[in-house]
């Protein structure tokens, strides 16, 4: 939301009421600005003004950034007809302007970042920015040294014109590895493992561009990012 802003637009945005209902309320003296009843729909307000609607203060909270430990079974979308979404897990107001900065598949778990700051999320999702996302991968077959080398050099995905960019790979056990990539192709990690003759059975994201999933967050829990975590994205 940009300021200065019309009072009817501001109240509609914060209350999620249609503009027509807000205008009707303004006519009935239901809006005040800094203690003064406002009756003009186009009255201009700033972010510092104190606004009330029907006697209760409403406030624009500005840019916000959340970290969520996503459980399996939730989609990374604002709405979905078939599945619950990650936004169903957030008990916050005014989330209609929020989006996911780097989606995860339905069955993939772990770190999801949600924000209403488009420029900030672009720093994460644009391949040109080379912000690595790190995953813990459990596989169906034993991980071979040859497959590790292929992943480190880039692999050719089905129906893709060019190979993936080189990945950072660390083998953890016979059937598990830590994989870091900065591209965001559709089902990329699963397709990369398929390209080297293996299959992903579990996938969990633990890091995005240096922001670690908080180990105290249980599946389905979330918290605001700290100022330091927000600044990590802009600093790189």
Foldseek 3Di string as FASTA:
>chain_A
DDPQFFPLVVVCQQVVPDSVVSLVQLCVQQKDWQRHGHNDRRDTDGQPIFMGGNRHTTHDPPKFKKKAFAAAFAWQDPDDDPGHHLVVLDPDGNCPLKHWLATDDRHATEIIMMINDPVLSCLQAPLVNWKKWKKKFFWDAFDDPVLLVCQQPFFDFPPDDDTFHGWDWDDDDRGIIMIIGRHRDDVVVQRSQVRSPIGTPYMYIADISHDGGPPVHDHSDMDTDDPVNSVSSVVD
